[in-house]
């Protein structure tokens, strides 16, 4: 009976160790994906800001053209 319990305990320890390894690997991957998403969000904000400046510039040009007419 003790031998059976020892084998079961060893199997459980092996599974726990494997799961910890998998969790650590997944954690690193999640961190990488999260970092990439953050960088992508920052890039989107920068693009939106540039587009807003372009639109403001176009509006100013339109206003100048209308004022000259």
PDB file of N, CA and C in Angstrom:
ATOM      1  N   UNK A   1       0.819  -1.188   0.000  1.00  0.00           N
ATOM      2  CA  UNK A   1       0.000   0.000   0.000  1.00  0.00           C
ATOM      3  C   UNK A   1       0.871   1.263   0.000  1.00  0.00           C
ATOM      4  N   UNK A   2       1.911   1.254   0.809  1.00  0.00           N
ATOM      5  CA  UNK A   2       2.805   2.411   0.837  1.00  0.00           C
ATOM      6  C   UNK A   2       3.509   2.611  -0.494  1.00  0.00           C
ATOM      7  N   UNK A   3       3.838   1.517  -1.172  1.00  0.00           N
ATOM      8  CA  UNK A   3       4.498   1.625  -2.476  1.00  0.00           C
ATOM      9  C   UNK A   3       3.547   2.298  -3.464  1.00  0.00           C
ATOM     10  N   UNK A   4       2.293   1.873  -3.447  1.00  0.00           N
ATOM     11  CA  UNK A   4       1.295   2.475  -4.338  1.00  0.00           C
ATOM     12  C   UNK A   4       1.118   3.944  -4.046  1.00  0.00           C
ATOM     13  N   UNK A   5       1.081   4.296  -2.767  1.00  0.00           N
ATOM     14  CA  UNK A   5       0.939   5.706  -2.395  1.00  0.00           C
ATOM     15  C   UNK A   5       2.162   6.498  -2.844  1.00  0.00           C
ATOM     16  N   UNK A   6       3.341   5.920  -2.695  1.00  0.00           N
ATOM     17  CA  UNK A   6       4.583   6.584  -3.110  1.00  0.00           C
ATOM     18  C   UNK A   6       4.609   6.833  -4.608  1.00  0.00           C
ATOM     19  N   UNK A   7       4.150   5.849  -5.384  1.00  0.00           N
ATOM     20  CA  UNK A   7       4.104   6.004  -6.841  1.00  0.00           C
ATOM     21  C   UNK A   7       3.106   7.098  -7.209  1.00  0.00           C
ATOM     22  N   UNK A   8       1.938   7.085  -6.562  1.00  0.00           N
ATOM     23  CA  UNK A   8       0.922   8.105  -6.838  1.00  0.00           C
ATOM     24  C   UNK A   8       1.465   9.492  -6.484  1.00  0.00           C
ATOM     25  N   UNK A   9       2.164   9.591  -5.362  1.00  0.00           N
ATOM     26  CA  UNK A   9       2.722  10.867  -4.931  1.00  0.00           C
ATOM     27  C   UNK A   9       3.781  11.355  -5.923  1.00  0.00           C
ATOM     28  N   UNK A  10       4.619  10.447  -6.387  1.00  0.00           N
ATOM     29  CA  UNK A  10       5.659  10.805  -7.358  1.00  0.00           C
ATOM     30  C   UNK A  10       5.024  11.265  -8.673  1.00  0.00           C
ATOM     31  N   UNK A  11       3.957  10.583  -9.094  1.00  0.00           N
ATOM     32  CA  UNK A  11       3.262  10.985 -10.323  1.00  0.00           C
ATOM     33  C   UNK A  11       2.653  12.377 -10.174  1.00  0.00           C
ATOM     34  N   UNK A  12       2.050  12.630  -9.012  1.00  0.00           N
ATOM     35  CA  UNK A  12       1.459  13.943  -8.760  1.00  0.00           C
ATOM     36  C   UNK A  12       2.540  15.027  -8.787  1.00  0.00           C
ATOM     37  N   UNK A  13       3.677  14.759  -8.157  1.00  0.00           N
ATOM     38  CA  UNK A  13       4.778  15.731  -8.156  1.00  0.00           C
ATOM     39  C   UNK A  13       5.273  16.000  -9.570  1.00  0.00           C
ATOM     40  N   UNK A  14       5.353  14.958 -10.379  1.00  0.00           N
ATOM     41  CA  UNK A  14       5.788  15.129 -11.765  1.00  0.00           C
ATOM     42  C   UNK A  14       4.787  15.988 -12.531  1.00  0.00           C
ATOM     43  N   UNK A  15       3.492  15.747 -12.312  1.00  0.00           N
ATOM     44  CA  UNK A  15       2.463  16.548 -12.992  1.00  0.00           C
ATOM     45  C   UNK A  15       2.518  18.010 -12.537  1.00  0.00           C
ATOM     46  N   UNK A  16       2.688  18.206 -11.247  1.00  0.00           N
ATOM     47  CA  UNK A  16       2.767  19.570 -10.708  1.00  0.00           C
ATOM     48  C   UNK A  16       3.970  20.291 -11.312  1.00  0.00           C
ATOM     49  N   UNK A  17       5.091  19.611 -11.373  1.00  0.00           N
ATOM     50  CA  UNK A  17       6.295  20.209 -11.943  1.00  0.00           C
ATOM     51  C   UNK A  17       6.087  20.556 -13.412  1.00  0.00           C
ATOM     52  N   UNK A  18       5.468  19.653 -14.162  1.00  0.00           N
ATOM     53  CA  UNK A  18       5.183  19.905 -15.575  1.00  0.00           C
ATOM     54  C   UNK A  18       4.228  21.078 -15.725  1.00  0.00           C
ATOM     55  N   UNK A  19       3.204  21.119 -14.888  1.00  0.00           N
ATOM     56  CA  UNK A  19       2.242  22.221 -14.956  1.00  0.00           C
ATOM     57  C   UNK A  19       2.902  23.557 -14.629  1.00  0.00           C
ATOM     58  N   UNK A  20       3.776  23.565 -13.640  1.00  0.00           N
ATOM     59  CA  UNK A  20       4.479  24.808 -13.298  1.00  0.00           C
ATOM     60  C   UNK A  20       5.329  25.286 -14.466  1.00  0.00           C
ATOM     61  N   UNK A  21       6.004  24.350 -15.112  1.00  0.00           N
ATOM     62  CA  UNK A  21       6.820  24.699 -16.276  1.00  0.00           C
ATOM     63  C   UNK A  21       5.941  25.281 -17.375  1.00  0.00           C
ATOM     64  N   UNK A  22       4.800  24.635 -17.636  1.00  0.00           N
ATOM     65  CA  UNK A  22       3.879  25.132 -18.659  1.00  0.00           C
ATOM     66  C   UNK A  22       3.322  26.499 -18.291  1.00  0.00           C
ATOM     67  N   UNK A  23       2.986  26.687 -17.037  1.00  0.00           N
ATOM     68  CA  UNK A  23       2.449  27.975 -16.571  1.00  0.00           C
ATOM     69  C   UNK A  23       3.504  29.073 -16.729  1.00  0.00           C
ATOM     70  N   UNK A  24       4.750  28.777 -16.391  1.00  0.00           N
ATOM     71  CA  UNK A  24       5.816  29.760 -16.552  1.00  0.00           C
ATOM     72  C   UNK A  24       5.993  30.139 -18.020  1.00  0.00           C
ATOM     73  N   UNK A  25       5.961  29.137 -18.901  1.00  0.00           N
ATOM     74  CA  UNK A  25       6.107  29.406 -20.335  1.00  0.00           C
ATOM     75  C   UNK A  25       4.943  30.243 -20.844  1.00  0.00           C
ATOM     76  N   UNK A  26       3.731  29.891 -20.431  1.00  0.00           N
ATOM     77  CA  UNK A  26       2.557  30.655 -20.860  1.00  0.00           C
ATOM     78  C   UNK A  26       2.595  32.070 -20.304  1.00  0.00           C
ATOM     79  N   UNK A  27       3.057  32.219 -19.089  1.00  0.00           N
ATOM     80  CA  UNK A  27       3.153  33.538 -18.472  1.00  0.00           C
ATOM     81  C   UNK A  27       4.091  34.437 -19.275  1.00  0.00           C
ATOM     82  N   UNK A  28       5.223  33.888 -19.705  1.00  0.00           N
ATOM     83  CA  UNK A  28       6.160  34.662 -20.519  1.00  0.00           C
ATOM     84  C   UNK A  28       5.522  35.049 -21.844  1.00  0.00           C
ATOM     85  N   UNK A  29       4.780  34.120 -22.461  1.00  0.00           N
ATOM     86  CA  UNK A  29       4.125  34.414 -23.732  1.00  0.00           C
ATOM     87  C   UNK A  29       3.056  35.489 -23.566  1.00  0.00           C
ATOM     88  N   UNK A  30       2.297  35.409 -22.491  1.00  0.00           N
ATOM     89  CA  UNK A  30       1.264  36.414 -22.224  1.00  0.00           C
ATOM     90  C   UNK A  30       1.919  37.785 -22.023  1.00  0.00           C
ATOM     91  N   UNK A  31       3.017  37.814 -21.321  1.00  0.00           N
ATOM     92  CA  UNK A  31       3.737  39.066 -21.118  1.00  0.00           C
ATOM     93  C   UNK A  31       4.210  39.664 -22.434  1.00  0.00           C
ATOM     94  N   UNK A  32       4.708  38.811 -23.317  1.00  0.00           N
ATOM     95  CA  UNK A  32       5.170  39.273 -24.627  1.00  0.00           C
ATOM     96  C   UNK A  32       4.011  39.810 -25.442  1.00  0.00           C
ATOM     97  N   UNK A  33       2.903  39.071 -25.474  1.00  0.00           N
ATOM     98  CA  UNK A  33       1.728  39.506 -26.235  1.00  0.00           C
ATOM     99  C   UNK A  33       1.182  40.802 -25.653  1.00  0.00           C
ATOM    100  N   UNK A  34       1.139  40.894 -24.352  1.00  0.00           N
ATOM    101  CA  UNK A  34       0.651  42.105 -23.695  1.00  0.00           C
ATOM    102  C   UNK A  34       1.525  43.303 -24.060  1.00  0.00           C
ATOM    103  N   UNK A  35       2.820  43.113 -24.061  1.00  0.00           N
ATOM    104  CA  UNK A  35       3.754  44.180 -24.421  1.00  0.00           C
ATOM    105  C   UNK A  35       3.535  44.606 -25.867  1.00  0.00           C
ATOM    106  N   UNK A  36       3.345  43.638 -26.748  1.00  0.00           N
ATOM    107  CA  UNK A  36       3.106  43.954 -28.162  1.00  0.00           C
ATOM    108  C   UNK A  36       1.797  44.705 -28.330  1.00  0.00           C
ATOM    109  N   UNK A  37       0.778  44.312 -27.585  1.00  0.00           N
ATOM    110  CA  UNK A  37      -0.519  44.989 -27.668  1.00  0.00           C
ATOM    111  C   UNK A  37      -0.382  46.425 -27.188  1.00  0.00           C
ATOM    112  N   UNK A  38       0.376  46.627 -26.129  1.00  0.00           N
ATOM    113  CA  UNK A  38       0.591  47.977 -25.609  1.00  0.00           C
ATOM    114  C   UNK A  38       1.298  48.838 -26.652  1.00  0.00           C
ATOM    115  N   UNK A  39       2.313  48.279 -27.292  1.00  0.00           N
ATOM    116  CA  UNK A  39       3.029  49.022 -28.332  1.00  0.00           C
ATOM    117  C   UNK A  39       2.112  49.319 -29.512  1.00  0.00           C
ATOM    118  N   UNK A  40       1.258  48.367 -29.874  1.00  0.00           N
ATOM    119  CA  UNK A  40       0.313  48.577 -30.970  1.00  0.00           C
ATOM    120  C   UNK A  40      -0.674  49.682 -30.614  1.00  0.00           C
ATOM    121  N   UNK A  41      -1.143  49.678 -29.369  1.00  0.00           N
ATOM    122  CA  UNK A  41      -2.061  50.737 -28.919  1.00  0.00           C
ATOM    123  C   UNK A  41      -1.397  52.101 -28.998  1.00  0.00           C
ATOM    124  N   UNK A  42      -0.141  52.175 -28.592  1.00  0.00           N
ATOM    125  CA  UNK A  42       0.590  53.443 -28.650  1.00  0.00           C
ATOM    126  C   UNK A  42       0.732  53.906 -30.100  1.00  0.00           C
ATOM    127  N   UNK A  43       1.023  52.968 -30.995  1.00  0.00           N
ATOM    128  CA  UNK A  43       1.168  53.311 -32.410  1.00  0.00           C
ATOM    129  C   UNK A  43      -0.154  53.827 -32.970  1.00  0.00           C
ATOM    130  N   UNK A  44      -1.247  53.213 -32.579  1.00  0.00           N
ATOM    131  CA  UNK A  44      -2.566  53.652 -33.050  1.00  0.00           C
ATOM    132  C   UNK A  44      -2.850  55.070 -32.567  1.00  0.00           C
ATOM    133  N   UNK A  45      -2.540  55.355 -31.319  1.00  0.00           N
ATOM    134  CA  UNK A  45      -2.758  56.701 -30.781  1.00  0.00           C
ATOM    135  C   UNK A  45      -1.912  57.721 -31.542  1.00  0.00           C
ATOM    136  N   UNK A  46      -0.664  57.358 -31.842  1.00  0.00           N
ATOM    137  CA  UNK A  46       0.197  58.282 -32.601  1.00  0.00           C
ATOM    138  C   UNK A  46      -0.378  58.528 -33.990  1.00  0.00           C
ATOM    139  N   UNK A  47      -0.867  57.472 -34.649  1.00  0.00           N
ATOM    140  CA  UNK A  47      -1.464  57.638 -35.980  1.00  0.00           C
ATOM    141  C   UNK A  47      -2.714  58.502 -35.919  1.00  0.00           C
ATOM    142  N   UNK A  48      -3.543  58.270 -34.906  1.00  0.00           N
ATOM    143  CA  UNK A  48      -4.760  59.076 -34.757  1.00  0.00           C
ATOM    144  C   UNK A  48      -4.415  60.549 -34.557  1.00  0.00           C
ATOM    145  N   UNK A  49      -3.387  60.804 -33.766  1.00  0.00           N
ATOM    146  CA  UNK A  49      -2.963  62.189 -33.526  1.00  0.00           C
ATOM    147  C   UNK A  49      -2.485  62.831 -34.828  1.00  0.00           C
ATOM    148  N   UNK A  50      -1.700  62.100 -35.601  1.00  0.00           N
ATOM    149  CA  UNK A  50      -1.223  62.634 -36.885  1.00  0.00           C
ATOM    150  C   UNK A  50      -2.389  62.902 -37.824  1.00  0.00           C
ATOM    151  N   UNK A  51      -3.341  62.011 -37.860  1.00  0.00           N
ATOM    152  CA  UNK A  51      -4.521  62.202 -38.722  1.00  0.00           C
ATOM    153  C   UNK A  51      -5.291  63.440 -38.289  1.00  0.00           C
ATOM    154  N   UNK A  52      -5.437  63.650 -36.989  1.00  0.00           N
ATOM    155  CA  UNK A  52      -6.127  64.846 -36.484  1.00  0.00           C
ATOM    156  C   UNK A  52      -5.405  66.115 -36.925  1.00  0.00           C
ATOM    157  N   UNK A  53      -4.061  66.116 -36.855  1.00  0.00           N
ATOM    158  CA  UNK A  53      -3.299  67.284 -37.306  1.00  0.00           C
ATOM    159  C   UNK A  53      -3.497  67.527 -38.800  1.00  0.00           C
ATOM    160  N   UNK A  54      -3.500  66.466 -39.580  1.00  0.00           N
ATOM    161  CA  UNK A  54      -3.711  66.593 -41.027  1.00  0.00           C
ATOM    162  C   UNK A  54      -5.090  67.175 -41.307  1.00  0.00           C
ATOM    163  N   UNK A  55      -6.101  66.669 -40.612  1.00  0.00           N
ATOM    164  CA  UNK A  55      -7.472  67.167 -40.815  1.00  0.00           C
ATOM    165  C   UNK A  55      -7.560  68.639 -40.424  1.00  0.00           C
ATOM    166  N   UNK A  56      -6.921  69.016 -39.314  1.00  0.00           N
ATOM    167  CA  UNK A  56      -6.916  70.428 -38.906  1.00  0.00           C
ATOM    168  C   UNK A  56      -6.251  71.292 -39.980  1.00  0.00           C
ATOM    169  N   UNK A  57      -5.145  70.800 -40.534  1.00  0.00           N
ATOM    170  CA  UNK A  57      -4.447  71.528 -41.592  1.00  0.00           C
ATOM    171  C   UNK A  57      -5.330  71.707 -42.818  1.00  0.00           C
ATOM    172  N   UNK A  58      -6.029  70.660 -43.194  1.00  0.00           N
ATOM    173  CA  UNK A  58      -6.934  70.732 -44.344  1.00  0.00           C
ATOM    174  C   UNK A  58      -8.060  71.725 -44.071  1.00  0.00           C
ATOM    175  N   UNK A  59      -8.605  71.679 -42.874  1.00  0.00           N
ATOM    176  CA  UNK A  59      -9.677  72.625 -42.511  1.00  0.00           C
ATOM    177  C   UNK A  59      -9.179  74.067 -42.567  1.00  0.00           C
ATOM    178  N   UNK A  60      -7.946  74.297 -42.110  1.00  0.00           N
ATOM    179  CA  UNK A  60      -7.381  75.647 -42.157  1.00  0.00           C
ATOM    180  C   UNK A  60      -7.196  76.110 -43.605  1.00  0.00           C
ATOM    181  N   UNK A  61      -6.739  75.229 -44.461  1.00  0.00           N
ATOM    182  CA  UNK A  61      -6.568  75.562 -45.877  1.00  0.00           C
ATOM    183  C   UNK A  61      -7.920  75.880 -46.506  1.00  0.00           C
ATOM    184  N   UNK A  62      -8.920  75.067 -46.197  1.00  0.00           N
ATOM    185  CA  UNK A  62     -10.271  75.325 -46.725  1.00  0.00           C
ATOM    186  C   UNK A  62     -10.775  76.688 -46.266  1.00  0.00           C
ATOM    187  N   UNK A  63     -10.538  77.024 -45.002  1.00  0.00           N
ATOM    188  CA  UNK A  63     -10.983  78.307 -44.466  1.00  0.00           C
ATOM    189  C   UNK A  63     -10.275  79.460 -45.185  1.00  0.00           C
ATOM    190  N   UNK A  64      -8.982  79.316 -45.449  1.00  0.00           N
ATOM    191  CA  UNK A  64      -8.235  80.342 -46.159  1.00  0.00           C
ATOM    192  C   UNK A  64      -8.761  80.514 -47.584  1.00  0.00           C
ATOM    193  N   UNK A  65      -9.049  79.413 -48.240  1.00  0.00           N
ATOM    194  CA  UNK A  65      -9.561  79.462 -49.618  1.00  0.00           C
ATOM    195  C   UNK A  65     -10.914  80.162 -49.637  1.00  0.00           C
ATOM    196  N   UNK A  66     -11.775  79.832 -48.695  1.00  0.00           N
ATOM    197  CA  UNK A  66     -13.102  80.472 -48.614  1.00  0.00           C
ATOM    198  C   UNK A  66     -12.968  81.959 -48.319  1.00  0.00           C
ATOM    199  N   UNK A  67     -12.014  82.305 -47.451  1.00  0.00           N
ATOM    200  CA  UNK A  67     -11.820  83.715 -47.094  1.00  0.00           C
ATOM    201  C   UNK A  67     -11.324  84.526 -48.283  1.00  0.00           C
ATOM    202  N   UNK A  68     -10.557  83.924 -49.176  1.00  0.00           N
ATOM    203  CA  UNK A  68     -10.017  84.635 -50.338  1.00  0.00           C
ATOM    204  C   UNK A  68     -11.072  84.836 -51.419  1.00  0.00           C
ATOM    205  N   UNK A  69     -12.136  84.047 -51.408  1.00  0.00           N
ATOM    206  CA  UNK A  69     -13.176  84.158 -52.448  1.00  0.00           C
ATOM    207  C   UNK A  69     -14.042  85.325 -52.271  1.00  0.00           C
TER     208      UNK A  69
END
